[in-house]
C-alpha atoms as a PDB file:
ATOM      1  CA  MET A   1      65.022  -1.054  84.008  1.00  0.00           C
ATOM      2  CA  SER A   2      65.962  -0.582  80.583  1.00  0.00           C
ATOM      3  CA  ILE A   3      68.953  -0.704  77.699  1.00  0.00           C
ATOM      4  CA  SER A   4      70.025   2.773  76.891  1.00  0.00           C
ATOM      5  CA  VAL A   5      72.129   3.220  73.903  1.00  0.00           C
ATOM      6  CA  LYS A   6      73.661   6.766  74.003  1.00  0.00           C
ATOM      7  CA  HIS A   7      75.681   8.275  71.172  1.00  0.00           C
ATOM      8  CA  VAL A   8      77.215   4.860  69.911  1.00  0.00           C
ATOM      9  CA  SER A   9      79.443   4.984  67.052  1.00  0.00           C
ATOM     10  CA  LYS A  10      80.781   1.840  64.912  1.00  0.00           C
ATOM     11  CA  ARG A  11      82.812   1.734  61.701  1.00  0.00           C
ATOM     12  CA  PHE A  12      84.582  -1.204  59.867  1.00  0.00           C
ATOM     13  CA  GLY A  13      87.389   0.195  58.028  1.00  0.00           C
ATOM     14  CA  PRO A  14      86.298   3.453  56.179  1.00  0.00           C
ATOM     15  CA  LYS A  15      82.435   2.475  56.375  1.00  0.00           C
ATOM     16  CA  ILE A  16      80.528   4.000  59.423  1.00  0.00           C
ATOM     17  CA  VAL A  17      77.582   1.535  60.430  1.00  0.00           C
ATOM     18  CA  LEU A  18      76.526   3.515  63.343  1.00  0.00           C
ATOM     19  CA  ASP A  19      76.824   7.068  63.657  1.00  0.00           C
ATOM     20  CA  GLU A  20      76.517   8.518  67.287  1.00  0.00           C
ATOM     21  CA  LEU A  21      72.999   6.475  67.284  1.00  0.00           C
ATOM     22  CA  SER A  22      70.510   6.715  70.538  1.00  0.00           C
ATOM     23  CA  VAL A  23      67.922   4.529  71.425  1.00  0.00           C
ATOM     24  CA  GLU A  24      66.133   3.194  74.347  1.00  0.00           C
ATOM     25  CA  PHE A  25      64.330  -0.167  74.923  1.00  0.00           C
ATOM     26  CA  GLN A  26      62.052  -0.557  77.977  1.00  0.00           C
ATOM     27  CA  ASN A  27      62.024  -4.021  79.983  1.00  0.00           C
ATOM     28  CA  ARG A  28      59.078  -6.588  80.030  1.00  0.00           C
ATOM     29  CA  GLN A  29      57.881  -5.804  76.518  1.00  0.00           C
ATOM     30  CA  VAL A  30      58.672  -7.141  73.011  1.00  0.00           C
ATOM     31  CA  SER A  31      60.502  -4.296  70.807  1.00  0.00           C
ATOM     32  CA  ALA A  32      61.308  -4.427  67.158  1.00  0.00           C
ATOM     33  CA  LEU A  33      64.666  -3.045  65.769  1.00  0.00           C
ATOM     34  CA  ILE A  34      63.804  -2.745  62.212  1.00  0.00           C
ATOM     35  CA  GLY A  35      65.509  -1.236  59.134  1.00  0.00           C
ATOM     36  CA  PRO A  36      66.779  -2.111  55.588  1.00  0.00           C
ATOM     37  CA  SER A  37      69.277  -4.752  54.842  1.00  0.00           C
ATOM     38  CA  GLY A  38      72.962  -3.721  55.692  1.00  0.00           C
ATOM     39  CA  SER A  39      71.463  -0.861  57.700  1.00  0.00           C
ATOM     40  CA  GLY A  40      73.376  -1.825  60.787  1.00  0.00           C
ATOM     41  CA  LYS A  41      70.573  -3.524  63.064  1.00  0.00           C
ATOM     42  CA  SER A  42      72.413  -6.757  63.444  1.00  0.00           C
ATOM     43  CA  VAL A  43      75.581  -4.889  64.390  1.00  0.00           C
ATOM     44  CA  LEU A  44      73.715  -2.843  66.920  1.00  0.00           C
ATOM     45  CA  SER A  45      72.233  -5.612  68.484  1.00  0.00           C
ATOM     46  CA  LYS A  46      75.495  -7.731  68.703  1.00  0.00           C
ATOM     47  CA  ILE A  47      77.313  -4.573  70.250  1.00  0.00           C
ATOM     48  CA  ILE A  48      74.463  -4.301  72.967  1.00  0.00           C
ATOM     49  CA  GLY A  49      75.059  -8.368  73.477  1.00  0.00           C
ATOM     50  CA  GLY A  50      78.500  -7.740  73.927  1.00  0.00           C
ATOM     51  CA  LEU A  51      79.725  -9.708  71.048  1.00  0.00           C
ATOM     52  CA  ILE A  52      81.446  -6.899  69.241  1.00  0.00           C
ATOM     53  CA  PRO A  53      83.080  -3.882  70.452  1.00  0.00           C
ATOM     54  CA  PHE A  54      82.113  -0.057  69.410  1.00  0.00           C
ATOM     55  CA  ASP A  55      84.301   2.634  69.035  1.00  0.00           C
ATOM     56  CA  THR A  56      82.321   5.756  71.031  1.00  0.00           C
ATOM     57  CA  GLY A  57      79.458   6.153  73.217  1.00  0.00           C
ATOM     58  CA  THR A  58      77.851   4.347  76.130  1.00  0.00           C
ATOM     59  CA  ILE A  59      75.481   1.535  76.694  1.00  0.00           C
ATOM     60  CA  GLU A  60      73.644   0.935  79.784  1.00  0.00           C
ATOM     61  CA  VAL A  61      72.025  -2.184  80.388  1.00  0.00           C
ATOM     62  CA  ASP A  62      69.632  -2.011  83.531  1.00  0.00           C
ATOM     63  CA  GLY A  63      71.782   0.446  85.497  1.00  0.00           C
ATOM     64  CA  GLU A  64      75.255  -1.076  84.491  1.00  0.00           C
ATOM     65  CA  VAL A  65      77.204   0.976  82.076  1.00  0.00           C
ATOM     66  CA  PHE A  66      79.528   0.223  79.390  1.00  0.00           C
ATOM     67  CA  GLU A  67      81.950   2.210  77.178  1.00  0.00           C
ATOM     68  CA  ASN A  68      83.160   1.574  73.910  1.00  0.00           C
ATOM     69  CA  SER A  69      85.809  -1.113  73.106  1.00  0.00           C
ATOM     70  CA  LYS A  70      85.909  -3.115  76.041  1.00  0.00           C
ATOM     71  CA  VAL A  71      86.103  -6.327  74.029  1.00  0.00           C
ATOM     72  CA  GLU A  72      86.489  -8.212  77.185  1.00  0.00           C
ATOM     73  CA  ARG A  73      83.156  -7.402  78.658  1.00  0.00           C
ATOM     74  CA  GLN A  74      80.402  -9.908  79.292  1.00  0.00           C
ATOM     75  CA  VAL A  75      76.860  -8.683  79.474  1.00  0.00           C
ATOM     76  CA  PHE A  76      75.134 -11.456  81.466  1.00  0.00           C
ATOM     77  CA  SER A  77      71.917  -9.724  81.444  1.00  0.00           C
ATOM     78  CA  VAL A  78      71.806 -10.140  77.558  1.00  0.00           C
ATOM     79  CA  SER A  79      71.228 -13.225  75.605  1.00  0.00           C
ATOM     80  CA  TYR A  80      71.697 -13.476  71.887  1.00  0.00           C
ATOM     81  CA  VAL A  81      69.322 -15.684  69.245  1.00  0.00           C
ATOM     82  CA  PHE A  82      71.492 -15.998  66.192  1.00  0.00           C
ATOM     83  CA  GLN A  83      69.656 -15.941  62.781  1.00  0.00           C
ATOM     84  CA  PHE A  84      70.069 -19.577  62.082  1.00  0.00           C
ATOM     85  CA  GLY A  85      70.195 -20.571  65.665  1.00  0.00           C
ATOM     86  CA  GLY A  86      73.974 -20.944  66.231  1.00  0.00           C
ATOM     87  CA  LEU A  87      73.619 -24.318  67.607  1.00  0.00           C
ATOM     88  CA  PHE A  88      76.407 -27.024  68.383  1.00  0.00           C
ATOM     89  CA  ASP A  89      76.435 -29.417  65.797  1.00  0.00           C
ATOM     90  CA  SER A  90      77.861 -32.185  67.753  1.00  0.00           C
ATOM     91  CA  LEU A  91      75.122 -31.495  70.566  1.00  0.00           C
ATOM     92  CA  THR A  92      71.810 -32.958  70.834  1.00  0.00           C
ATOM     93  CA  ILE A  93      68.746 -30.636  70.468  1.00  0.00           C
ATOM     94  CA  PHE A  94      68.374 -30.887  74.193  1.00  0.00           C
ATOM     95  CA  GLU A  95      72.031 -30.751  75.132  1.00  0.00           C
ATOM     96  CA  ASN A  96      72.135 -27.377  73.101  1.00  0.00           C
ATOM     97  CA  VAL A  97      69.195 -26.265  75.147  1.00  0.00           C
ATOM     98  CA  ILE A  98      70.649 -27.114  78.566  1.00  0.00           C
ATOM     99  CA  PHE A  99      74.224 -25.965  77.591  1.00  0.00           C
ATOM    100  CA  PRO A 100      73.980 -22.423  79.309  1.00  0.00           C
ATOM    101  CA  ARG A 101      73.098 -24.074  82.669  1.00  0.00           C
ATOM    102  CA  ARG A 102      75.870 -26.793  82.415  1.00  0.00           C
ATOM    103  CA  MET A 103      78.636 -23.924  81.709  1.00  0.00           C
ATOM    104  CA  LYS A 104      77.182 -21.608  84.454  1.00  0.00           C
ATOM    105  CA  ARG A 105      76.756 -23.706  87.510  1.00  0.00           C
ATOM    106  CA  GLY A 106      77.080 -27.279  86.654  1.00  0.00           C
ATOM    107  CA  PHE A 107      74.165 -29.485  86.161  1.00  0.00           C
ATOM    108  CA  SER A 108      71.248 -30.605  88.655  1.00  0.00           C
ATOM    109  CA  LYS A 109      67.951 -32.478  88.577  1.00  0.00           C
ATOM    110  CA  LYS A 110      66.316 -28.946  88.971  1.00  0.00           C
ATOM    111  CA  ASP A 111      68.109 -27.789  85.721  1.00  0.00           C
ATOM    112  CA  LEU A 112      66.979 -31.148  83.913  1.00  0.00           C
ATOM    113  CA  LEU A 113      63.455 -30.700  84.826  1.00  0.00           C
ATOM    114  CA  GLU A 114      63.237 -27.108  83.869  1.00  0.00           C
ATOM    115  CA  ALA A 115      64.883 -27.733  80.623  1.00  0.00           C
ATOM    116  CA  TYR A 116      62.454 -30.557  79.672  1.00  0.00           C
ATOM    117  CA  GLU A 117      59.491 -28.473  80.556  1.00  0.00           C
ATOM    118  CA  LEU A 118      60.574 -25.755  78.680  1.00  0.00           C
ATOM    119  CA  CYS A 119      61.106 -28.241  75.526  1.00  0.00           C
ATOM    120  CA  GLU A 120      57.595 -29.495  76.347  1.00  0.00           C
ATOM    121  CA  ASN A 121      56.114 -25.942  76.347  1.00  0.00           C
ATOM    122  CA  LEU A 122      57.670 -25.292  72.708  1.00  0.00           C
ATOM    123  CA  ASN A 123      56.789 -28.577  71.695  1.00  0.00           C
ATOM    124  CA  LEU A 124      60.264 -29.749  71.043  1.00  0.00           C
ATOM    125  CA  LEU A 125      60.192 -33.043  72.975  1.00  0.00           C
ATOM    126  CA  PRO A 126      60.033 -34.916  69.703  1.00  0.00           C
ATOM    127  CA  PHE A 127      63.155 -33.598  68.658  1.00  0.00           C
ATOM    128  CA  VAL A 128      65.369 -33.502  72.003  1.00  0.00           C
ATOM    129  CA  ASP A 129      67.542 -36.709  71.190  1.00  0.00           C
ATOM    130  CA  LEU A 130      68.068 -35.488  67.316  1.00  0.00           C
ATOM    131  CA  TYR A 131      70.950 -33.252  66.179  1.00  0.00           C
ATOM    132  CA  PRO A 132      70.675 -29.830  64.380  1.00  0.00           C
ATOM    133  CA  LYS A 133      71.433 -31.106  61.016  1.00  0.00           C
ATOM    134  CA  ASP A 134      68.443 -33.676  61.462  1.00  0.00           C
ATOM    135  CA  VAL A 135      65.780 -31.309  62.157  1.00  0.00           C
ATOM    136  CA  PRO A 136      63.964 -28.328  60.248  1.00  0.00           C
ATOM    137  CA  LEU A 137      64.983 -24.728  60.738  1.00  0.00           C
ATOM    138  CA  SER A 138      62.032 -23.763  62.539  1.00  0.00           C
ATOM    139  CA  VAL A 139      63.034 -26.320  65.346  1.00  0.00           C
ATOM    140  CA  ARG A 140      66.526 -25.022  65.401  1.00  0.00           C
ATOM    141  CA  LYS A 141      65.310 -21.356  65.772  1.00  0.00           C
ATOM    142  CA  LEU A 142      62.990 -22.700  68.697  1.00  0.00           C
ATOM    143  CA  CYS A 143      65.984 -24.471  70.411  1.00  0.00           C
ATOM    144  CA  ALA A 144      68.182 -21.457  70.156  1.00  0.00           C
ATOM    145  CA  PHE A 145      65.308 -19.424  71.741  1.00  0.00           C
ATOM    146  CA  ALA A 146      64.875 -21.994  74.350  1.00  0.00           C
ATOM    147  CA  ARG A 147      68.598 -21.740  75.041  1.00  0.00           C
ATOM    148  CA  ALA A 148      68.609 -18.208  75.347  1.00  0.00           C
ATOM    149  CA  LEU A 149      65.845 -18.489  77.941  1.00  0.00           C
ATOM    150  CA  LEU A 150      67.667 -20.831  80.112  1.00  0.00           C
ATOM    151  CA  THR A 151      70.516 -18.528  80.332  1.00  0.00           C
ATOM    152  CA  GLU A 152      68.242 -16.677  82.922  1.00  0.00           C
ATOM    153  CA  SER A 153      69.086 -13.446  81.237  1.00  0.00           C
ATOM    154  CA  GLU A 154      66.262 -10.519  81.558  1.00  0.00           C
ATOM    155  CA  TRP A 155      67.096  -9.381  77.831  1.00  0.00           C
ATOM    156  CA  VAL A 156      66.871 -11.715  74.822  1.00  0.00           C
ATOM    157  CA  PHE A 157      67.760 -10.363  71.455  1.00  0.00           C
ATOM    158  CA  VAL A 158      66.448 -12.452  68.430  1.00  0.00           C
ATOM    159  CA  ASP A 159      68.098 -11.831  65.180  1.00  0.00           C
ATOM    160  CA  GLU A 160      65.871 -12.199  62.049  1.00  0.00           C
ATOM    161  CA  PRO A 161      63.652 -14.861  63.613  1.00  0.00           C
ATOM    162  CA  ASP A 162      61.568 -15.226  60.401  1.00  0.00           C
ATOM    163  CA  SER A 163      64.443 -15.728  57.927  1.00  0.00           C
ATOM    164  CA  GLY A 164      64.254 -19.096  56.158  1.00  0.00           C
ATOM    165  CA  LEU A 165      60.679 -19.875  57.616  1.00  0.00           C
ATOM    166  CA  ASP A 166      57.597 -20.317  55.923  1.00  0.00           C
ATOM    167  CA  CYS A 167      54.314 -18.345  57.150  1.00  0.00           C
ATOM    168  CA  GLU A 168      53.394 -21.269  59.423  1.00  0.00           C
ATOM    169  CA  GLY A 169      56.713 -21.377  61.145  1.00  0.00           C
ATOM    170  CA  ILE A 170      57.028 -17.774  61.465  1.00  0.00           C
ATOM    171  CA  MET A 171      53.396 -17.521  63.185  1.00  0.00           C
ATOM    172  CA  LYS A 172      54.443 -20.394  65.541  1.00  0.00           C
ATOM    173  CA  LEU A 173      57.931 -18.688  66.392  1.00  0.00           C
ATOM    174  CA  TYR A 174      56.108 -15.353  66.852  1.00  0.00           C
ATOM    175  CA  SER A 175      53.463 -17.020  68.972  1.00  0.00           C
ATOM    176  CA  VAL A 176      56.100 -18.410  71.363  1.00  0.00           C
ATOM    177  CA  ILE A 177      57.950 -15.141  71.679  1.00  0.00           C
ATOM    178  CA  ARG A 178      54.556 -13.519  72.506  1.00  0.00           C
ATOM    179  CA  SER A 179      53.613 -16.042  75.266  1.00  0.00           C
ATOM    180  CA  PHE A 180      57.225 -15.069  76.916  1.00  0.00           C
ATOM    181  CA  ARG A 181      56.290 -11.141  76.771  1.00  0.00           C
ATOM    182  CA  ASN A 182      55.616 -11.014  80.508  1.00  0.00           C
ATOM    183  CA  GLN A 183      58.570 -13.136  81.677  1.00  0.00           C
ATOM    184  CA  ARG A 184      61.420 -11.527  79.609  1.00  0.00           C
ATOM    185  CA  SER A 185      62.523  -8.614  77.775  1.00  0.00           C
ATOM    186  CA  ILE A 186      62.644  -9.309  74.104  1.00  0.00           C
ATOM    187  CA  VAL A 187      63.979  -7.311  70.931  1.00  0.00           C
ATOM    188  CA  ILE A 188      63.228  -8.787  67.663  1.00  0.00           C
ATOM    189  CA  VAL A 189      65.906  -7.845  64.981  1.00  0.00           C
ATOM    190  CA  SER A 190      63.700  -7.913  61.568  1.00  0.00           C
ATOM    191  CA  HIS A 191      63.050  -6.348  58.325  1.00  0.00           C
ATOM    192  CA  ASP A 192      59.741  -8.249  58.101  1.00  0.00           C
ATOM    193  CA  VAL A 193      57.039  -5.472  58.632  1.00  0.00           C
ATOM    194  CA  PRO A 194      54.389  -5.282  59.210  1.00  0.00           C
ATOM    195  CA  ALA A 195      54.506  -9.179  60.251  1.00  0.00           C
ATOM    196  CA  VAL A 196      56.643  -8.395  63.439  1.00  0.00           C
ATOM    197  CA  PHE A 197      54.437  -5.718  64.467  1.00  0.00           C
ATOM    198  CA  GLU A 198      51.683  -8.219  65.427  1.00  0.00           C
ATOM    199  CA  VAL A 199      53.764  -9.153  68.413  1.00  0.00           C
ATOM    200  CA  CYS A 200      55.686  -6.029  69.612  1.00  0.00           C
ATOM    201  CA  ASP A 201      55.000  -3.134  71.600  1.00  0.00           C
ATOM    202  CA  PHE A 202      57.533  -0.848  70.401  1.00  0.00           C
ATOM    203  CA  TYR A 203      59.762  -0.290  67.246  1.00  0.00           C
ATOM    204  CA  ALA A 204      62.908   1.640  66.507  1.00  0.00           C
ATOM    205  CA  LEU A 205      63.983   2.052  62.549  1.00  0.00           C
ATOM    206  CA  ILE A 206      67.605   2.552  61.848  1.00  0.00           C
ATOM    207  CA  TYR A 207      68.883   4.002  58.653  1.00  0.00           C
ATOM    208  CA  GLY A 208      72.075   5.764  57.811  1.00  0.00           C
ATOM    209  CA  GLY A 209      73.701   4.818  61.043  1.00  0.00           C
ATOM    210  CA  LYS A 210      70.956   6.337  63.118  1.00  0.00           C
ATOM    211  CA  ILE A 211      67.266   5.845  64.624  1.00  0.00           C
ATOM    212  CA  VAL A 212      65.290   7.656  62.177  1.00  0.00           C
ATOM    213  CA  SER A 213      61.911   6.513  63.502  1.00  0.00           C
ATOM    214  CA  PHE A 214      60.614   5.038  66.720  1.00  0.00           C
ATOM    215  CA  GLY A 215      57.297   4.739  68.769  1.00  0.00           C
ATOM    216  CA  GLU A 216      54.802   2.598  70.418  1.00  0.00           C
ATOM    217  CA  ILE A 217      52.860  -0.145  68.444  1.00  0.00           C
ATOM    218  CA  LEU A 218      49.246  -0.789  69.604  1.00  0.00           C
ATOM    219  CA  ASN A 219      47.266  -3.762  68.016  1.00  0.00           C
ATOM    220  CA  GLY A 220      49.940  -4.322  65.162  1.00  0.00           C
ATOM    221  CA  ARG A 221      49.888  -0.568  64.208  1.00  0.00           C
ATOM    222  CA  VAL A 222      52.314   2.305  64.704  1.00  0.00           C
ATOM    223  CA  ALA A 223      50.899   4.845  67.150  1.00  0.00           C
ATOM    224  CA  LYS A 224      52.685   7.584  65.224  1.00  0.00           C
ATOM    225  CA  ILE A 225      52.863   8.027  61.531  1.00  0.00           C
ATOM    226  CA  ASP A 226      56.137   9.445  59.715  1.00  0.00           C
ATOM    227  CA  PRO A 227      57.397   9.391  56.257  1.00  0.00           C
ATOM    228  CA  TYR A 228      60.255   6.752  57.448  1.00  0.00           C
ATOM    229  CA  ILE A 229      57.810   4.080  58.657  1.00  0.00           C
ATOM    230  CA  VAL A 230      55.247   4.705  56.105  1.00  0.00           C
ATOM    231  CA  GLN A 231      58.069   3.988  53.140  1.00  0.00           C
ATOM    232  CA  PHE A 232      59.641   1.292  54.844  1.00  0.00           C
ATOM    233  CA  MET A 233      56.198  -0.702  55.530  1.00  0.00           C
ATOM    234  CA  GLU A 234      55.100   0.156  52.020  1.00  0.00           C
ATOM    235  CA  GLY A 235      58.410  -1.020  50.454  1.00  0.00           C
ATOM    236  CA  SER A 236      58.225   2.238  48.373  1.00  0.00           C
ATOM    237  CA  ILE A 237      61.112   3.906  46.476  1.00  0.00           C
ATOM    238  CA  ASP A 238      59.564   7.258  47.244  1.00  0.00           C
ATOM    239  CA  GLY A 239      60.466   8.983  50.395  1.00  0.00           C
ATOM    240  CA  PRO A 240      63.695   9.692  52.542  1.00  0.00           C
ATOM    241  CA  ILE A 241      65.206   6.155  52.666  1.00  0.00           C
ATOM    242  CA  ARG A 242      67.188   5.868  49.568  1.00  0.00           C
END
């Protein structure tokens, strides 16, 4: 099982964001989709999640193939965690967590117990009766991650999980992601290298609308070195990335 993106293109007006891009993510591992700001990594992840259409190409999610601009499609096997949580302001933290289950099949005692157990595992119990505006960003992000897990989707895309967090918050969130690596297939969309590599098994680097570098990550280090990944990791102005 995998996500296979083949020759996908996307433009906004005259600007080409994705240019016949191809990449593959394997299931039951943590992958990193990385790239400079504005490189199209968030656009690609939202296309895979069915949130925005694409122009040409195909996307295959665990054997189900989707083609170009089918806006009405729903990829139920993919959940998306927005950069700042994307929670409902009018719902409590717990109501946000349980929301997908209530929408999909109603509400049962089993769902309630599972949601509370998940909140306990993520140290969210002290916040379950509070509203998003009353809790720190790190809690909102954990809540969004918990909500994605309760969708029962095989794939969870997490957009910029470290954005707006301090070092302690980042390490906590990455620790949570690591703990679920054998239960879900997780793709982290991030520009925070090499920190994100500490929890990932694979990376794909997007630049110029294409995947220009990809490979395995072993013990926090890329297994194969090339000019693109070296320049990106070092933050240097010298190299193929301009």
